[in-house]
Amino acid sequence: THIHTHTHTYTYTYTHIYIHTHTYTYTYTHIHIHIHTHIHTHTHTYTYTYTH
């Protein structure tokens, strides 16, 4: 009789902050500001039980 128990917990957190500033002058002035914020959180819990 063999009992095997495996528990796996996986937590993934991804944070991405993107700031783009562009100043362009060519007979005119253009200012572009782009702010992008992305937060992704993933939690995975895996439990495996094997009885042989």
C-alpha atoms as a PDB file:
ATOM      1  CA  THR A   1       0.000   0.000   0.000  1.00  0.00           C
ATOM      2  CA  HIS A   2       1.460   3.231  -1.120  1.00  0.00           C
ATOM      3  CA  ILE A   3      -0.079   6.644  -0.462  1.00  0.00           C
ATOM      4  CA  HIS A   4       1.332   9.634  -2.205  1.00  0.00           C
ATOM      5  CA  THR A   5       0.030  13.150  -1.640  1.00  0.00           C
ATOM      6  CA  HIS A   6       1.288  16.077  -3.593  1.00  0.00           C
ATOM      7  CA  THR A   7       0.218  19.664  -2.992  1.00  0.00           C
ATOM      8  CA  HIS A   8       1.350  22.405  -5.260  1.00  0.00           C
ATOM      9  CA  THR A   9       0.573  26.087  -4.801  1.00  0.00           C
ATOM     10  CA  TYR A  10       1.544  28.480  -7.531  1.00  0.00           C
ATOM     11  CA  THR A  11       1.139  32.222  -7.275  1.00  0.00           C
ATOM     12  CA  TYR A  12       1.993  34.437 -10.194  1.00  0.00           C
ATOM     13  CA  THR A  13       1.927  38.212  -9.964  1.00  0.00           C
ATOM     14  CA  TYR A  14       2.726  40.328 -12.951  1.00  0.00           C
ATOM     15  CA  THR A  15       2.930  44.098 -12.768  1.00  0.00           C
ATOM     16  CA  HIS A  16       3.716  46.125 -15.820  1.00  0.00           C
ATOM     17  CA  ILE A  17       3.993  49.900 -15.834  1.00  0.00           C
ATOM     18  CA  TYR A  18       4.703  51.592 -19.090  1.00  0.00           C
ATOM     19  CA  ILE A  19       5.304  55.323 -19.331  1.00  0.00           C
ATOM     20  CA  HIS A  20       6.064  56.826 -22.665  1.00  0.00           C
ATOM     21  CA  THR A  21       6.787  60.505 -23.169  1.00  0.00           C
ATOM     22  CA  HIS A  22       7.499  61.837 -26.584  1.00  0.00           C
ATOM     23  CA  THR A  23       8.284  65.450 -27.495  1.00  0.00           C
ATOM     24  CA  TYR A  24       8.623  66.222 -31.134  1.00  0.00           C
ATOM     25  CA  THR A  25       9.229  69.659 -32.590  1.00  0.00           C
ATOM     26  CA  TYR A  26       8.968  70.214 -36.301  1.00  0.00           C
ATOM     27  CA  THR A  27       7.305  73.527 -37.118  1.00  0.00           C
ATOM     28  CA  TYR A  28       4.847  72.402 -34.452  1.00  0.00           C
ATOM     29  CA  THR A  29       4.944  70.902 -30.980  1.00  0.00           C
ATOM     30  CA  HIS A  30       3.519  67.529 -30.194  1.00  0.00           C
ATOM     31  CA  ILE A  31       3.460  66.061 -26.719  1.00  0.00           C
ATOM     32  CA  HIS A  32       2.282  62.540 -26.193  1.00  0.00           C
ATOM     33  CA  ILE A  33       2.061  60.920 -22.789  1.00  0.00           C
ATOM     34  CA  HIS A  34       0.960  57.347 -22.487  1.00  0.00           C
ATOM     35  CA  ILE A  35       0.628  55.572 -19.171  1.00  0.00           C
ATOM     36  CA  HIS A  36      -0.279  51.930 -19.135  1.00  0.00           C
ATOM     37  CA  THR A  37      -0.660  49.916 -15.971  1.00  0.00           C
ATOM     38  CA  HIS A  38      -1.371  46.230 -16.030  1.00  0.00           C
ATOM     39  CA  ILE A  39      -1.652  44.079 -12.936  1.00  0.00           C
ATOM     40  CA  HIS A  40      -2.229  40.393 -13.300  1.00  0.00           C
ATOM     41  CA  THR A  41      -2.483  38.001 -10.398  1.00  0.00           C
ATOM     42  CA  HIS A  42      -2.879  34.308 -10.864  1.00  0.00           C
ATOM     43  CA  THR A  43      -3.179  31.802  -8.048  1.00  0.00           C
ATOM     44  CA  HIS A  44      -3.251  28.120  -8.748  1.00  0.00           C
ATOM     45  CA  THR A  45      -3.622  25.385  -6.168  1.00  0.00           C
ATOM     46  CA  TYR A  46      -3.174  21.824  -7.247  1.00  0.00           C
ATOM     47  CA  THR A  47      -3.649  18.817  -4.995  1.00  0.00           C
ATOM     48  CA  TYR A  48      -2.924  15.335  -6.223  1.00  0.00           C
ATOM     49  CA  THR A  49      -3.578  12.233  -4.176  1.00  0.00           C
ATOM     50  CA  TYR A  50      -2.565   8.837  -5.421  1.00  0.00           C
ATOM     51  CA  THR A  51      -3.283   5.615  -3.595  1.00  0.00           C
ATOM     52  CA  HIS A  52      -1.769   2.443  -4.871  1.00  0.00           C
END
